[in-house]
Structure formats: structure tokens, C-alpha cells
Amino acid sequence: MSFFISNAMADAAAPAAAPMGGGFEWIFLVGFLVIFYLMIWRPQAKRAKEQKNLLGSLQKGDEVVTTGGIAGKITKVADDFVVLEVSDTVEMKFQKGAIAATLPKGTLKAI
């Protein structure tokens, strides 16, 4: 079967390949990691921390806006859900994660 495979002979006179830039590539890798941290990781962690603090500090009487754009006043807070009063006769139940932001007191009356 050796007649199908030819023997590869290395050229003894061929010079060895010159090594690449070595430390220069590490600079790009470290630079990329620093940019990734500053532009993506840190702001995302900050937003997640702020959202966690917001959801942990919800109380009855707070005026909030949901991610769907519904504004209301919290009438009941449970572990995972809140009940919002959206008008005098309408109350809706939302997951806490659906709360996007709190509003200053009196905002709903001004609308």
C-alpha cells in the first residue's frame, strides 16, 4: 500500500520560520479585554445592581412604570408580584421584574 503514499522529504536547507511578534499580540489581547470590561461588563453590572436595588425597595404607595409603559400606584407588594392601581377602579397584578422605574410622588395626579 505504500505505493499510494509518497514519502515527504524535508528540505534541510530551508530556514526555520521566523517567530511572530511575541509580546505585540498580547498587547492587543489585553487591550481588547480592557475595552470589553469598560464598555460592556461594568455598565451592565451597574444596571443590574440598580434594578435589583429598585425591586428590593418597592413599597406600598410608590408610583411606578412597568416595562410595558403602564403607570400605576403600588397597593400590595408580595415576594414576586406587585398589585398596581392604574385607575380608581382597576388594579392589575405584575411580576416585580416588570417594574422599570419609580416615579416621583404626585406624578400620576399630574398626568
Protein backbone atom coordinates (compact mmCIF):
# COMPACT_ATOMS: atom_id res chain seq x y z
CA MET A 1 0.00 0.00 0.00
CA SER A 2 2.94 2.33 0.26
CA PHE A 3 2.86 2.99 -3.47
CA PHE A 4 -0.23 5.27 -2.96
CA ILE A 5 1.52 7.44 -0.37
CA SER A 6 4.62 9.30 -1.36
CA ASN A 7 7.34 9.99 1.17
CA ALA A 8 7.67 13.62 2.17
CA MET A 9 11.24 14.73 2.34
CA ALA A 10 12.07 17.83 4.33
CA ASP A 11 14.49 20.27 2.74
CA ALA A 12 17.41 20.55 5.10
CA ALA A 13 18.49 23.86 3.58
CA ALA A 14 15.17 25.60 4.22
CA PRO A 15 15.43 28.19 7.05
CA ALA A 16 13.19 27.83 10.08
CA ALA A 17 10.13 30.06 10.16
CA ALA A 18 10.75 33.32 11.97
CA PRO A 19 8.68 33.66 15.16
CA MET A 20 5.86 36.20 15.15
CA GLY A 21 5.88 39.40 17.16
CA GLY A 22 5.53 37.63 20.54
CA GLY A 23 4.61 40.36 23.03
CA PHE A 24 2.89 42.55 20.44
CA GLU A 25 -0.07 40.16 20.19
CA TRP A 26 -0.51 40.15 23.97
CA ILE A 27 -0.92 43.92 23.92
CA PHE A 28 -3.91 43.56 21.57
CA LEU A 29 -5.42 40.80 23.69
CA VAL A 30 -5.07 42.79 26.91
CA GLY A 31 -6.38 45.92 25.18
CA PHE A 32 -9.40 44.03 23.90
CA LEU A 33 -10.15 42.67 27.38
CA VAL A 34 -9.88 46.15 28.94
CA ILE A 35 -12.24 47.62 26.33
CA PHE A 36 -14.66 44.72 26.82
CA TYR A 37 -14.66 45.31 30.59
CA LEU A 38 -15.10 49.08 30.38
CA MET A 39 -17.73 49.18 27.64
CA ILE A 40 -19.79 46.05 28.27
CA TRP A 41 -19.24 44.28 31.58
CA ARG A 42 -19.10 47.20 34.01
CA PRO A 43 -22.14 49.17 32.71
CA GLN A 44 -24.24 46.00 32.56
CA ALA A 45 -23.30 45.05 36.12
CA LYS A 46 -24.14 48.58 37.28
CA ARG A 47 -27.59 48.45 35.61
CA ALA A 48 -28.31 45.03 37.13
CA LYS A 49 -27.35 46.27 40.60
CA GLU A 50 -29.58 49.36 40.25
CA GLN A 51 -32.53 47.20 39.08
CA LYS A 52 -32.03 44.79 42.00
CA ASN A 53 -32.00 47.70 44.47
CA LEU A 54 -35.12 49.19 42.83
CA LEU A 55 -37.06 45.93 43.09
CA GLY A 56 -35.92 45.38 46.67
CA SER A 57 -37.07 48.82 47.79
CA LEU A 58 -40.61 48.74 46.37
CA GLN A 59 -43.23 49.73 48.93
CA LYS A 60 -46.95 50.28 49.08
CA GLY A 61 -47.76 53.76 47.77
CA ASP A 62 -44.83 54.02 45.32
CA GLU A 63 -45.69 55.24 41.85
CA VAL A 64 -44.03 53.11 39.17
CA VAL A 65 -43.88 52.45 35.44
CA THR A 66 -43.76 48.92 34.04
CA THR A 67 -41.67 47.79 31.10
CA GLY A 68 -44.87 47.81 29.05
CA GLY A 69 -45.41 51.50 29.81
CA ILE A 70 -48.25 51.14 32.30
CA ALA A 71 -48.05 53.68 35.12
CA GLY A 72 -49.65 52.99 38.45
CA LYS A 73 -49.52 53.13 42.22
CA ILE A 74 -48.49 50.05 44.21
CA THR A 75 -51.26 48.82 46.51
CA LYS A 76 -49.77 45.49 47.54
CA VAL A 77 -46.27 44.01 47.50
CA ALA A 78 -45.63 40.25 47.66
CA ASP A 79 -42.44 38.23 47.19
CA ASP A 80 -42.60 38.03 43.40
CA PHE A 81 -45.62 40.16 42.49
CA VAL A 82 -46.98 43.65 43.00
CA VAL A 83 -50.52 44.94 42.56
CA LEU A 84 -50.79 48.27 40.75
CA GLU A 85 -53.75 50.60 40.89
CA VAL A 86 -53.94 52.01 37.38
CA SER A 87 -57.18 53.92 37.88
CA ASP A 88 -59.73 54.32 40.67
CA THR A 89 -61.43 51.02 39.86
CA VAL A 90 -58.74 48.98 38.09
CA GLU A 91 -55.99 47.02 39.82
CA MET A 92 -53.51 44.85 37.91
CA LYS A 93 -51.05 42.25 39.14
CA PHE A 94 -47.47 42.33 37.76
CA GLN A 95 -44.27 40.46 38.40
CA LYS A 96 -41.70 42.56 40.20
CA GLY A 97 -39.31 42.14 37.28
CA ALA A 98 -41.74 44.05 35.06
CA ILE A 99 -41.20 47.27 37.05
CA ALA A 100 -38.92 49.54 35.03
CA ALA A 101 -38.71 52.68 37.17
CA THR A 102 -40.22 54.57 40.06
CA LEU A 103 -41.82 57.95 39.57
CA PRO A 104 -41.70 60.98 41.87
CA LYS A 105 -44.71 61.26 44.19
CA GLY A 106 -47.64 63.06 42.61
CA THR A 107 -46.70 62.25 39.02
CA LEU A 108 -49.84 60.21 38.38
CA LYS A 109 -52.14 63.03 39.55
CA ALA A 110 -50.34 65.46 37.26
CA ILE A 111 -50.96 63.29 34.19
